[in-house]
């Protein structure tokens, strides 16, 4: 007799939540997709589509959408969280009584919580009142639309309990989605959060008309910022050269499918933040997370000049050209992680 399929509840019917629900269904899971938009749920169930978030893409048959969290979470072995990072705590606190005592919670979120500087796995632990060993995070070069089209990609599943990481990896492994595992949750989450900020910086530079040399410089020095901050917080240095680090950074900084990159480009072209949000079709995670990343870096004593520049442009009224001049006029020093800035 074959084993019963893994039951997965995906919280959040946006583009990444819907895409990961498809990955899980293609991997053989029974999937319930929860969101607050009744029209999205109805379309997923009747047409196998979510045209609001993934227009033109047919979803697998193994997904059932609902606006009822109790129906979504009933008997769920995996609870996948794909809500915006800054509303995660409130959402999960509300749903806490419905999460099973043995369920593994998987965070797809990439951010740092404003006001607390908590990484998303820490928010999950606190909001649901569960042990850190029950929380896994997924991060990598995971542009939702490409994966929804079943284009090949790899990712990292990280949990401090290696067996849990392997269990989650098995649940989402398919012919086009290749998960690797590690136990460096701190490093993987910091990569996912800070790369959005670096992508904003790249977009700003490209919107201003700067070319590939500038792009390569910002990406490379951005990776140094991510690595320096991660190492100060105890992360594994190898994580930053891997899929969750360099892999995700390159994808997010290079693709027009990246909302952070796109919004940054609008800013570089002279739009206000409100105009850029409207033109992008929503707020990019890095817009809010850049402030909490900067707070975290300052509390740790780590210099993050690119992040500081993004915060100054988006939230403090600094002109883009002044940000560029400020970065280029920093004191000369040797290249390397040990050198600040």
C-alpha atoms as a PDB file:
ATOM      1  CA  UNK A   1       0.000   0.000   0.000  1.00  0.00           C
ATOM      2  CA  UNK A   2       1.397   3.398  -0.979  1.00  0.00           C
ATOM      3  CA  UNK A   3       1.806   6.095   1.660  1.00  0.00           C
ATOM      4  CA  UNK A   4      -0.776   8.849   1.852  1.00  0.00           C
ATOM      5  CA  UNK A   5       0.304  12.062   0.091  1.00  0.00           C
ATOM      6  CA  UNK A   6       1.681  14.933   2.122  1.00  0.00           C
ATOM      7  CA  UNK A   7      -1.040  17.464   2.904  1.00  0.00           C
ATOM      8  CA  UNK A   8       0.227  21.015   2.414  1.00  0.00           C
ATOM      9  CA  UNK A   9      -1.551  24.239   3.311  1.00  0.00           C
ATOM     10  CA  UNK A  10      -0.175  27.297   1.512  1.00  0.00           C
ATOM     11  CA  UNK A  11      -1.035  30.562   3.240  1.00  0.00           C
ATOM     12  CA  UNK A  12      -1.058  33.353   0.693  1.00  0.00           C
ATOM     13  CA  UNK A  13      -2.474  33.256  -2.839  1.00  0.00           C
ATOM     14  CA  UNK A  14      -0.092  35.809  -4.354  1.00  0.00           C
ATOM     15  CA  UNK A  15       2.247  34.942  -7.199  1.00  0.00           C
ATOM     16  CA  UNK A  16       4.866  33.088  -5.100  1.00  0.00           C
ATOM     17  CA  UNK A  17       2.338  31.326  -2.893  1.00  0.00           C
ATOM     18  CA  UNK A  18       0.358  30.143  -5.924  1.00  0.00           C
ATOM     19  CA  UNK A  19       3.534  29.098  -7.716  1.00  0.00           C
ATOM     20  CA  UNK A  20       4.843  27.119  -4.750  1.00  0.00           C
ATOM     21  CA  UNK A  21       1.421  25.485  -4.401  1.00  0.00           C
ATOM     22  CA  UNK A  22       1.877  24.344  -8.000  1.00  0.00           C
ATOM     23  CA  UNK A  23       5.355  23.004  -7.215  1.00  0.00           C
ATOM     24  CA  UNK A  24       3.972  21.012  -4.288  1.00  0.00           C
ATOM     25  CA  UNK A  25       1.089  19.651  -6.368  1.00  0.00           C
ATOM     26  CA  UNK A  26       3.442  18.612  -9.170  1.00  0.00           C
ATOM     27  CA  UNK A  27       5.581  16.872  -6.519  1.00  0.00           C
ATOM     28  CA  UNK A  28       2.560  14.796  -5.446  1.00  0.00           C
ATOM     29  CA  UNK A  29       1.228  16.700  -2.447  1.00  0.00           C
ATOM     30  CA  UNK A  30      -2.420  17.364  -1.675  1.00  0.00           C
ATOM     31  CA  UNK A  31      -2.470  21.168  -1.649  1.00  0.00           C
ATOM     32  CA  UNK A  32      -4.881  23.687  -0.099  1.00  0.00           C
ATOM     33  CA  UNK A  33      -4.244  27.296  -1.098  1.00  0.00           C
ATOM     34  CA  UNK A  34      -5.583  29.883   1.353  1.00  0.00           C
ATOM     35  CA  UNK A  35      -6.079  33.579   0.679  1.00  0.00           C
ATOM     36  CA  UNK A  36      -8.543  36.333   1.519  1.00  0.00           C
ATOM     37  CA  UNK A  37      -9.585  37.027  -2.091  1.00  0.00           C
ATOM     38  CA  UNK A  38     -12.715  34.996  -2.865  1.00  0.00           C
ATOM     39  CA  UNK A  39     -12.480  35.728  -6.600  1.00  0.00           C
ATOM     40  CA  UNK A  40      -8.973  34.248  -6.736  1.00  0.00           C
ATOM     41  CA  UNK A  41     -10.104  31.137  -4.849  1.00  0.00           C
ATOM     42  CA  UNK A  42     -13.094  30.675  -7.153  1.00  0.00           C
ATOM     43  CA  UNK A  43     -10.973  30.996 -10.289  1.00  0.00           C
ATOM     44  CA  UNK A  44      -8.353  28.532  -9.002  1.00  0.00           C
ATOM     45  CA  UNK A  45     -11.091  25.991  -8.281  1.00  0.00           C
ATOM     46  CA  UNK A  46     -13.153  26.435 -11.437  1.00  0.00           C
ATOM     47  CA  UNK A  47     -10.559  27.345 -14.073  1.00  0.00           C
ATOM     48  CA  UNK A  48      -7.230  26.239 -12.537  1.00  0.00           C
ATOM     49  CA  UNK A  49      -5.897  29.767 -12.999  1.00  0.00           C
ATOM     50  CA  UNK A  50      -4.951  32.805 -10.920  1.00  0.00           C
ATOM     51  CA  UNK A  51      -5.015  35.513 -13.558  1.00  0.00           C
ATOM     52  CA  UNK A  52      -4.734  38.250 -10.946  1.00  0.00           C
ATOM     53  CA  UNK A  53      -1.223  37.099  -9.989  1.00  0.00           C
ATOM     54  CA  UNK A  54      -0.106  34.645 -12.700  1.00  0.00           C
ATOM     55  CA  UNK A  55      -2.032  35.570 -15.856  1.00  0.00           C
ATOM     56  CA  UNK A  56      -2.123  32.970 -18.600  1.00  0.00           C
ATOM     57  CA  UNK A  57      -0.716  30.089 -16.531  1.00  0.00           C
ATOM     58  CA  UNK A  58      -2.623  26.838 -16.024  1.00  0.00           C
ATOM     59  CA  UNK A  59      -2.293  25.411 -12.506  1.00  0.00           C
ATOM     60  CA  UNK A  60      -2.075  21.707 -11.615  1.00  0.00           C
ATOM     61  CA  UNK A  61      -5.243  19.844 -10.772  1.00  0.00           C
ATOM     62  CA  UNK A  62      -4.060  18.996  -7.252  1.00  0.00           C
ATOM     63  CA  UNK A  63      -4.715  22.443  -5.765  1.00  0.00           C
ATOM     64  CA  UNK A  64      -7.889  23.353  -3.891  1.00  0.00           C
ATOM     65  CA  UNK A  65      -8.259  27.028  -2.993  1.00  0.00           C
ATOM     66  CA  UNK A  66     -10.267  28.395  -0.084  1.00  0.00           C
ATOM     67  CA  UNK A  67     -10.820  31.550   1.958  1.00  0.00           C
ATOM     68  CA  UNK A  68     -11.543  29.415   5.043  1.00  0.00           C
ATOM     69  CA  UNK A  69      -8.325  28.976   7.074  1.00  0.00           C
ATOM     70  CA  UNK A  70      -9.801  26.085   9.039  1.00  0.00           C
ATOM     71  CA  UNK A  71     -10.440  24.136   5.834  1.00  0.00           C
ATOM     72  CA  UNK A  72      -6.943  24.933   4.559  1.00  0.00           C
ATOM     73  CA  UNK A  73      -5.117  23.915   7.732  1.00  0.00           C
ATOM     74  CA  UNK A  74      -7.114  20.802   8.632  1.00  0.00           C
ATOM     75  CA  UNK A  75      -4.713  17.821   8.911  1.00  0.00           C
ATOM     76  CA  UNK A  76      -1.930  19.783   7.181  1.00  0.00           C
ATOM     77  CA  UNK A  77       1.507  18.160   7.454  1.00  0.00           C
ATOM     78  CA  UNK A  78       3.199  21.241   5.968  1.00  0.00           C
ATOM     79  CA  UNK A  79       2.086  24.818   6.538  1.00  0.00           C
ATOM     80  CA  UNK A  80       3.715  27.048   3.935  1.00  0.00           C
ATOM     81  CA  UNK A  81       3.686  30.770   4.707  1.00  0.00           C
ATOM     82  CA  UNK A  82       3.757  33.098   1.695  1.00  0.00           C
ATOM     83  CA  UNK A  83       2.210  36.294   3.044  1.00  0.00           C
ATOM     84  CA  UNK A  84       3.922  39.723   2.967  1.00  0.00           C
ATOM     85  CA  UNK A  85       6.645  39.786   5.615  1.00  0.00           C
ATOM     86  CA  UNK A  86       5.355  42.847   7.461  1.00  0.00           C
ATOM     87  CA  UNK A  87       1.893  41.292   8.076  1.00  0.00           C
ATOM     88  CA  UNK A  88       3.193  37.812   8.897  1.00  0.00           C
ATOM     89  CA  UNK A  89       3.029  38.155  12.673  1.00  0.00           C
ATOM     90  CA  UNK A  90      -0.581  39.379  12.726  1.00  0.00           C
ATOM     91  CA  UNK A  91      -1.703  36.765  10.194  1.00  0.00           C
ATOM     92  CA  UNK A  92      -0.028  33.835  11.959  1.00  0.00           C
ATOM     93  CA  UNK A  93      -1.161  34.915  15.421  1.00  0.00           C
ATOM     94  CA  UNK A  94      -4.734  34.826  14.142  1.00  0.00           C
ATOM     95  CA  UNK A  95      -4.258  31.343  12.665  1.00  0.00           C
ATOM     96  CA  UNK A  96      -2.222  29.888  15.550  1.00  0.00           C
ATOM     97  CA  UNK A  97      -5.045  27.733  17.018  1.00  0.00           C
ATOM     98  CA  UNK A  98      -5.538  26.003  13.652  1.00  0.00           C
ATOM     99  CA  UNK A  99      -1.950  24.809  13.085  1.00  0.00           C
ATOM    100  CA  UNK A 100      -1.512  21.146  14.015  1.00  0.00           C
ATOM    101  CA  UNK A 101       0.890  20.216  16.831  1.00  0.00           C
ATOM    102  CA  UNK A 102       3.110  18.151  14.512  1.00  0.00           C
ATOM    103  CA  UNK A 103       2.982  20.335  11.411  1.00  0.00           C
ATOM    104  CA  UNK A 104       6.197  21.661   9.896  1.00  0.00           C
ATOM    105  CA  UNK A 105       5.977  25.335   8.988  1.00  0.00           C
ATOM    106  CA  UNK A 106       7.784  26.498   5.848  1.00  0.00           C
ATOM    107  CA  UNK A 107       8.553  30.186   5.343  1.00  0.00           C
ATOM    108  CA  UNK A 108       8.762  31.517   1.795  1.00  0.00           C
ATOM    109  CA  UNK A 109       9.000  35.083   3.104  1.00  0.00           C
ATOM    110  CA  UNK A 110      12.037  37.265   2.490  1.00  0.00           C
ATOM    111  CA  UNK A 111      12.329  40.172   4.858  1.00  0.00           C
ATOM    112  CA  UNK A 112      13.165  41.467   8.316  1.00  0.00           C
ATOM    113  CA  UNK A 113      10.332  42.632  10.556  1.00  0.00           C
ATOM    114  CA  UNK A 114      10.109  46.368  11.141  1.00  0.00           C
ATOM    115  CA  UNK A 115      10.400  47.386  14.768  1.00  0.00           C
ATOM    116  CA  UNK A 116      11.805  44.059  16.004  1.00  0.00           C
ATOM    117  CA  UNK A 117      14.547  43.251  13.434  1.00  0.00           C
ATOM    118  CA  UNK A 118      13.358  39.638  13.572  1.00  0.00           C
ATOM    119  CA  UNK A 119      14.008  37.304  10.676  1.00  0.00           C
ATOM    120  CA  UNK A 120      10.895  35.612   9.302  1.00  0.00           C
ATOM    121  CA  UNK A 121      11.584  32.228  10.900  1.00  0.00           C
ATOM    122  CA  UNK A 122      11.832  34.002  14.254  1.00  0.00           C
ATOM    123  CA  UNK A 123       8.480  35.694  13.609  1.00  0.00           C
ATOM    124  CA  UNK A 124       6.960  32.292  12.776  1.00  0.00           C
ATOM    125  CA  UNK A 125       8.315  30.754  15.999  1.00  0.00           C
ATOM    126  CA  UNK A 126       7.007  33.603  18.142  1.00  0.00           C
ATOM    127  CA  UNK A 127       3.628  34.016  16.443  1.00  0.00           C
ATOM    128  CA  UNK A 128       2.791  30.290  16.394  1.00  0.00           C
ATOM    129  CA  UNK A 129       4.509  29.377  19.663  1.00  0.00           C
ATOM    130  CA  UNK A 130       6.431  26.472  18.135  1.00  0.00           C
ATOM    131  CA  UNK A 131       9.988  25.171  18.393  1.00  0.00           C
ATOM    132  CA  UNK A 132      12.566  26.457  15.873  1.00  0.00           C
ATOM    133  CA  UNK A 133      13.199  22.844  14.832  1.00  0.00           C
ATOM    134  CA  UNK A 134       9.731  22.819  13.233  1.00  0.00           C
ATOM    135  CA  UNK A 135      10.417  25.806  10.962  1.00  0.00           C
ATOM    136  CA  UNK A 136      12.098  25.558   7.561  1.00  0.00           C
ATOM    137  CA  UNK A 137      12.851  28.345   5.096  1.00  0.00           C
ATOM    138  CA  UNK A 138      13.022  28.191   1.299  1.00  0.00           C
ATOM    139  CA  UNK A 139      15.163  30.615  -0.679  1.00  0.00           C
ATOM    140  CA  UNK A 140      17.046  30.715  -3.953  1.00  0.00           C
ATOM    141  CA  UNK A 141      16.798  32.023  -7.512  1.00  0.00           C
ATOM    142  CA  UNK A 142      13.030  31.587  -7.420  1.00  0.00           C
ATOM    143  CA  UNK A 143      11.339  34.063  -9.769  1.00  0.00           C
ATOM    144  CA  UNK A 144       7.720  32.970  -9.520  1.00  0.00           C
ATOM    145  CA  UNK A 145       6.608  33.348 -13.137  1.00  0.00           C
ATOM    146  CA  UNK A 146       9.509  31.299 -14.510  1.00  0.00           C
ATOM    147  CA  UNK A 147       8.819  28.490 -12.036  1.00  0.00           C
ATOM    148  CA  UNK A 148       5.093  28.661 -12.783  1.00  0.00           C
ATOM    149  CA  UNK A 149       6.072  27.969 -16.405  1.00  0.00           C
ATOM    150  CA  UNK A 150       8.028  24.957 -15.080  1.00  0.00           C
ATOM    151  CA  UNK A 151      11.407  26.302 -16.107  1.00  0.00           C
ATOM    152  CA  UNK A 152      14.248  24.473 -14.318  1.00  0.00           C
ATOM    153  CA  UNK A 153      15.575  25.998 -11.111  1.00  0.00           C
ATOM    154  CA  UNK A 154      17.160  25.016  -7.830  1.00  0.00           C
ATOM    155  CA  UNK A 155      16.583  26.278  -4.315  1.00  0.00           C
ATOM    156  CA  UNK A 156      17.722  25.842  -0.732  1.00  0.00           C
ATOM    157  CA  UNK A 157      15.588  24.367   2.037  1.00  0.00           C
ATOM    158  CA  UNK A 158      17.092  25.248   5.395  1.00  0.00           C
ATOM    159  CA  UNK A 159      16.196  24.120   8.912  1.00  0.00           C
ATOM    160  CA  UNK A 160      18.262  23.690  12.046  1.00  0.00           C
ATOM    161  CA  UNK A 161      16.936  20.102  12.079  1.00  0.00           C
ATOM    162  CA  UNK A 162      18.453  18.484   9.000  1.00  0.00           C
ATOM    163  CA  UNK A 163      15.808  15.733   8.921  1.00  0.00           C
ATOM    164  CA  UNK A 164      13.056  18.351   8.710  1.00  0.00           C
ATOM    165  CA  UNK A 165      14.885  20.090   5.868  1.00  0.00           C
ATOM    166  CA  UNK A 166      15.083  16.804   3.978  1.00  0.00           C
ATOM    167  CA  UNK A 167      11.372  16.156   4.587  1.00  0.00           C
ATOM    168  CA  UNK A 168      10.413  19.540   3.139  1.00  0.00           C
ATOM    169  CA  UNK A 169      12.806  19.065   0.212  1.00  0.00           C
ATOM    170  CA  UNK A 170      11.206  15.717  -0.610  1.00  0.00           C
ATOM    171  CA  UNK A 171       7.756  17.319  -0.586  1.00  0.00           C
ATOM    172  CA  UNK A 172       8.690  19.951  -3.188  1.00  0.00           C
ATOM    173  CA  UNK A 173      11.127  18.063  -5.412  1.00  0.00           C
ATOM    174  CA  UNK A 174      10.038  17.690  -9.034  1.00  0.00           C
ATOM    175  CA  UNK A 175      11.429  17.406 -12.555  1.00  0.00           C
ATOM    176  CA  UNK A 176      11.942  21.189 -12.729  1.00  0.00           C
ATOM    177  CA  UNK A 177      12.375  22.185  -9.069  1.00  0.00           C
ATOM    178  CA  UNK A 178      15.571  20.920  -7.398  1.00  0.00           C
ATOM    179  CA  UNK A 179      15.908  21.580  -3.649  1.00  0.00           C
ATOM    180  CA  UNK A 180      19.202  21.384  -1.781  1.00  0.00           C
ATOM    181  CA  UNK A 181      19.314  21.384   2.025  1.00  0.00           C
ATOM    182  CA  UNK A 182      21.383  23.017   4.728  1.00  0.00           C
ATOM    183  CA  UNK A 183      21.075  23.993   8.390  1.00  0.00           C
ATOM    184  CA  UNK A 184      22.163  27.639   8.061  1.00  0.00           C
ATOM    185  CA  UNK A 185      18.792  29.322   8.586  1.00  0.00           C
ATOM    186  CA  UNK A 186      20.379  32.644   9.561  1.00  0.00           C
ATOM    187  CA  UNK A 187      22.449  32.858   6.385  1.00  0.00           C
ATOM    188  CA  UNK A 188      19.693  31.738   4.052  1.00  0.00           C
ATOM    189  CA  UNK A 189      17.199  34.228   5.487  1.00  0.00           C
ATOM    190  CA  UNK A 190      19.606  37.149   5.443  1.00  0.00           C
ATOM    191  CA  UNK A 191      20.415  36.425   1.795  1.00  0.00           C
ATOM    192  CA  UNK A 192      16.714  36.438   0.942  1.00  0.00           C
ATOM    193  CA  UNK A 193      16.044  39.693   2.774  1.00  0.00           C
ATOM    194  CA  UNK A 194      19.061  41.785   1.802  1.00  0.00           C
ATOM    195  CA  UNK A 195      19.168  40.754  -1.863  1.00  0.00           C
ATOM    196  CA  UNK A 196      15.856  42.602  -2.320  1.00  0.00           C
ATOM    197  CA  UNK A 197      17.520  45.787  -1.106  1.00  0.00           C
ATOM    198  CA  UNK A 198      20.491  45.303  -3.433  1.00  0.00           C
ATOM    199  CA  UNK A 199      18.066  44.689  -6.312  1.00  0.00           C
ATOM    200  CA  UNK A 200      16.457  48.042  -5.570  1.00  0.00           C
ATOM    201  CA  UNK A 201      19.894  49.664  -5.776  1.00  0.00           C
ATOM    202  CA  UNK A 202      20.645  47.958  -9.098  1.00  0.00           C
ATOM    203  CA  UNK A 203      17.282  49.036 -10.469  1.00  0.00           C
ATOM    204  CA  UNK A 204      17.871  52.623  -9.341  1.00  0.00           C
ATOM    205  CA  UNK A 205      21.265  52.647 -11.078  1.00  0.00           C
ATOM    206  CA  UNK A 206      19.882  51.203 -14.301  1.00  0.00           C
ATOM    207  CA  UNK A 207      16.924  53.587 -14.242  1.00  0.00           C
ATOM    208  CA  UNK A 208      19.405  56.436 -13.974  1.00  0.00           C
ATOM    209  CA  UNK A 209      21.038  55.174 -17.153  1.00  0.00           C
ATOM    210  CA  UNK A 210      24.123  53.470 -15.723  1.00  0.00           C
ATOM    211  CA  UNK A 211      25.379  50.345 -17.489  1.00  0.00           C
ATOM    212  CA  UNK A 212      26.827  46.921 -16.816  1.00  0.00           C
ATOM    213  CA  UNK A 213      29.927  48.070 -14.980  1.00  0.00           C
ATOM    214  CA  UNK A 214      27.774  49.826 -12.400  1.00  0.00           C
ATOM    215  CA  UNK A 215      25.420  46.855 -12.180  1.00  0.00           C
ATOM    216  CA  UNK A 216      28.281  44.435 -11.608  1.00  0.00           C
ATOM    217  CA  UNK A 217      29.798  46.741  -9.001  1.00  0.00           C
ATOM    218  CA  UNK A 218      26.557  47.052  -7.018  1.00  0.00           C
ATOM    219  CA  UNK A 219      25.867  43.298  -7.154  1.00  0.00           C
ATOM    220  CA  UNK A 220      29.401  42.394  -6.074  1.00  0.00           C
ATOM    221  CA  UNK A 221      29.624  44.945  -3.272  1.00  0.00           C
ATOM    222  CA  UNK A 222      26.064  44.051  -2.294  1.00  0.00           C
ATOM    223  CA  UNK A 223      27.115  40.458  -1.796  1.00  0.00           C
ATOM    224  CA  UNK A 224      29.890  41.727   0.473  1.00  0.00           C
ATOM    225  CA  UNK A 225      27.300  43.581   2.576  1.00  0.00           C
ATOM    226  CA  UNK A 226      25.118  40.481   2.850  1.00  0.00           C
ATOM    227  CA  UNK A 227      28.067  38.264   3.737  1.00  0.00           C
ATOM    228  CA  UNK A 228      29.523  40.668   6.274  1.00  0.00           C
ATOM    229  CA  UNK A 229      26.192  41.013   8.066  1.00  0.00           C
ATOM    230  CA  UNK A 230      25.553  37.280   7.962  1.00  0.00           C
ATOM    231  CA  UNK A 231      28.941  36.377   9.368  1.00  0.00           C
ATOM    232  CA  UNK A 232      28.477  38.903  12.183  1.00  0.00           C
ATOM    233  CA  UNK A 233      25.258  37.072  13.085  1.00  0.00           C
ATOM    234  CA  UNK A 234      26.856  33.614  12.993  1.00  0.00           C
ATOM    235  CA  UNK A 235      25.960  32.441   9.482  1.00  0.00           C
ATOM    236  CA  UNK A 236      28.020  29.978   7.456  1.00  0.00           C
ATOM    237  CA  UNK A 237      30.251  31.762   4.925  1.00  0.00           C
ATOM    238  CA  UNK A 238      29.572  29.090   2.273  1.00  0.00           C
ATOM    239  CA  UNK A 239      25.892  30.025   2.149  1.00  0.00           C
ATOM    240  CA  UNK A 240      26.618  33.363   0.509  1.00  0.00           C
ATOM    241  CA  UNK A 241      28.323  31.902  -2.556  1.00  0.00           C
ATOM    242  CA  UNK A 242      25.524  29.385  -3.052  1.00  0.00           C
ATOM    243  CA  UNK A 243      21.979  29.384  -4.413  1.00  0.00           C
ATOM    244  CA  UNK A 244      20.452  31.379  -1.569  1.00  0.00           C
ATOM    245  CA  UNK A 245      23.221  33.974  -1.792  1.00  0.00           C
ATOM    246  CA  UNK A 246      24.815  34.675  -5.158  1.00  0.00           C
ATOM    247  CA  UNK A 247      22.180  32.662  -7.039  1.00  0.00           C
ATOM    248  CA  UNK A 248      19.204  34.595  -5.728  1.00  0.00           C
ATOM    249  CA  UNK A 249      21.075  37.904  -5.841  1.00  0.00           C
ATOM    250  CA  UNK A 250      21.899  37.548  -9.550  1.00  0.00           C
ATOM    251  CA  UNK A 251      18.348  36.519 -10.454  1.00  0.00           C
ATOM    252  CA  UNK A 252      16.691  39.303  -8.486  1.00  0.00           C
ATOM    253  CA  UNK A 253      19.096  42.013  -9.655  1.00  0.00           C
ATOM    254  CA  UNK A 254      18.987  40.973 -13.307  1.00  0.00           C
ATOM    255  CA  UNK A 255      15.394  40.141 -14.145  1.00  0.00           C
ATOM    256  CA  UNK A 256      12.531  42.468 -15.095  1.00  0.00           C
ATOM    257  CA  UNK A 257      10.311  39.887 -13.370  1.00  0.00           C
ATOM    258  CA  UNK A 258      11.759  41.048 -10.046  1.00  0.00           C
ATOM    259  CA  UNK A 259       9.428  43.575  -8.456  1.00  0.00           C
ATOM    260  CA  UNK A 260      12.284  45.058  -6.414  1.00  0.00           C
ATOM    261  CA  UNK A 261      14.421  45.581  -9.522  1.00  0.00           C
ATOM    262  CA  UNK A 262      11.491  47.060 -11.426  1.00  0.00           C
ATOM    263  CA  UNK A 263      10.502  49.447  -8.656  1.00  0.00           C
ATOM    264  CA  UNK A 264      14.097  50.599  -8.254  1.00  0.00           C
ATOM    265  CA  UNK A 265      14.278  51.304 -11.976  1.00  0.00           C
ATOM    266  CA  UNK A 266      11.206  53.532 -11.743  1.00  0.00           C
ATOM    267  CA  UNK A 267      12.834  55.437  -8.882  1.00  0.00           C
ATOM    268  CA  UNK A 268      15.999  55.900 -10.957  1.00  0.00           C
ATOM    269  CA  UNK A 269      13.884  57.292 -13.790  1.00  0.00           C
ATOM    270  CA  UNK A 270      12.602  60.030 -11.504  1.00  0.00           C
ATOM    271  CA  UNK A 271       9.357  58.686 -10.069  1.00  0.00           C
ATOM    272  CA  UNK A 272       8.365  59.258  -6.471  1.00  0.00           C
ATOM    273  CA  UNK A 273       8.019  56.179  -4.269  1.00  0.00           C
ATOM    274  CA  UNK A 274       4.213  56.280  -4.534  1.00  0.00           C
ATOM    275  CA  UNK A 275       4.425  56.588  -8.317  1.00  0.00           C
ATOM    276  CA  UNK A 276       6.920  53.738  -8.498  1.00  0.00           C
ATOM    277  CA  UNK A 277       4.721  51.484  -6.356  1.00  0.00           C
ATOM    278  CA  UNK A 278       1.749  52.198  -8.627  1.00  0.00           C
ATOM    279  CA  UNK A 279       3.783  51.614 -11.794  1.00  0.00           C
ATOM    280  CA  UNK A 280       5.188  48.347 -10.415  1.00  0.00           C
ATOM    281  CA  UNK A 281       1.753  47.068  -9.460  1.00  0.00           C
ATOM    282  CA  UNK A 282       2.431  46.802  -5.737  1.00  0.00           C
ATOM    283  CA  UNK A 283       5.022  47.379  -3.079  1.00  0.00           C
ATOM    284  CA  UNK A 284       8.231  45.382  -3.342  1.00  0.00           C
ATOM    285  CA  UNK A 285       9.400  43.655  -0.139  1.00  0.00           C
ATOM    286  CA  UNK A 286      12.690  45.553  -0.102  1.00  0.00           C
ATOM    287  CA  UNK A 287      10.955  48.938   0.204  1.00  0.00           C
ATOM    288  CA  UNK A 288       9.955  48.210   3.782  1.00  0.00           C
ATOM    289  CA  UNK A 289      12.643  45.693   4.648  1.00  0.00           C
ATOM    290  CA  UNK A 290      15.506  48.043   3.765  1.00  0.00           C
ATOM    291  CA  UNK A 291      14.857  50.033   6.937  1.00  0.00           C
ATOM    292  CA  UNK A 292      14.757  46.965   9.168  1.00  0.00           C
ATOM    293  CA  UNK A 293      17.884  45.547   7.489  1.00  0.00           C
ATOM    294  CA  UNK A 294      19.675  48.831   8.168  1.00  0.00           C
ATOM    295  CA  UNK A 295      18.508  48.781  11.802  1.00  0.00           C
ATOM    296  CA  UNK A 296      19.768  45.214  12.176  1.00  0.00           C
ATOM    297  CA  UNK A 297      23.139  46.075  10.645  1.00  0.00           C
ATOM    298  CA  UNK A 298      23.592  49.123  12.863  1.00  0.00           C
ATOM    299  CA  UNK A 299      22.661  47.166  15.979  1.00  0.00           C
ATOM    300  CA  UNK A 300      25.295  44.599  14.970  1.00  0.00           C
ATOM    301  CA  UNK A 301      27.921  47.214  14.166  1.00  0.00           C
ATOM    302  CA  UNK A 302      28.148  46.262  10.487  1.00  0.00           C
ATOM    303  CA  UNK A 303      28.612  48.894   7.767  1.00  0.00           C
ATOM    304  CA  UNK A 304      26.124  48.521   4.875  1.00  0.00           C
ATOM    305  CA  UNK A 305      26.536  51.598   2.644  1.00  0.00           C
ATOM    306  CA  UNK A 306      24.401  50.378  -0.268  1.00  0.00           C
ATOM    307  CA  UNK A 307      21.515  49.546   2.050  1.00  0.00           C
ATOM    308  CA  UNK A 308      21.905  52.895   3.783  1.00  0.00           C
ATOM    309  CA  UNK A 309      21.817  54.623   0.408  1.00  0.00           C
ATOM    310  CA  UNK A 310      18.618  52.847  -0.614  1.00  0.00           C
ATOM    311  CA  UNK A 311      16.955  53.847   2.661  1.00  0.00           C
ATOM    312  CA  UNK A 312      18.057  57.456   2.159  1.00  0.00           C
ATOM    313  CA  UNK A 313      16.652  57.605  -1.391  1.00  0.00           C
ATOM    314  CA  UNK A 314      13.356  55.824  -0.695  1.00  0.00           C
ATOM    315  CA  UNK A 315      12.516  57.174   2.751  1.00  0.00           C
ATOM    316  CA  UNK A 316      14.607  60.257   3.464  1.00  0.00           C
ATOM    317  CA  UNK A 317      14.378  62.238   0.252  1.00  0.00           C
ATOM    318  CA  UNK A 318      17.990  61.866  -0.896  1.00  0.00           C
ATOM    319  CA  UNK A 319      18.408  62.459  -4.675  1.00  0.00           C
ATOM    320  CA  UNK A 320      19.654  59.440  -6.612  1.00  0.00           C
ATOM    321  CA  UNK A 321      22.741  61.290  -7.870  1.00  0.00           C
ATOM    322  CA  UNK A 322      23.701  62.205  -4.329  1.00  0.00           C
ATOM    323  CA  UNK A 323      23.478  58.554  -3.321  1.00  0.00           C
ATOM    324  CA  UNK A 324      25.805  57.598  -6.185  1.00  0.00           C
ATOM    325  CA  UNK A 325      28.299  60.328  -5.295  1.00  0.00           C
ATOM    326  CA  UNK A 326      28.235  59.278  -1.649  1.00  0.00           C
ATOM    327  CA  UNK A 327      29.037  55.645  -2.467  1.00  0.00           C
ATOM    328  CA  UNK A 328      31.860  56.531  -4.850  1.00  0.00           C
ATOM    329  CA  UNK A 329      33.437  59.105  -2.554  1.00  0.00           C
ATOM    330  CA  UNK A 330      33.883  56.704   0.354  1.00  0.00           C
ATOM    331  CA  UNK A 331      37.498  56.352   1.556  1.00  0.00           C
ATOM    332  CA  UNK A 332      39.698  54.070  -0.512  1.00  0.00           C
ATOM    333  CA  UNK A 333      40.576  50.734   1.043  1.00  0.00           C
ATOM    334  CA  UNK A 334      41.478  47.158   0.243  1.00  0.00           C
ATOM    335  CA  UNK A 335      38.792  44.905  -1.225  1.00  0.00           C
ATOM    336  CA  UNK A 336      37.579  42.097   1.030  1.00  0.00           C
ATOM    337  CA  UNK A 337      35.189  41.162   3.791  1.00  0.00           C
ATOM    338  CA  UNK A 338      37.487  42.431   6.506  1.00  0.00           C
ATOM    339  CA  UNK A 339      37.456  45.964   5.093  1.00  0.00           C
ATOM    340  CA  UNK A 340      34.446  48.040   6.029  1.00  0.00           C
ATOM    341  CA  UNK A 341      32.334  49.595   3.243  1.00  0.00           C
END
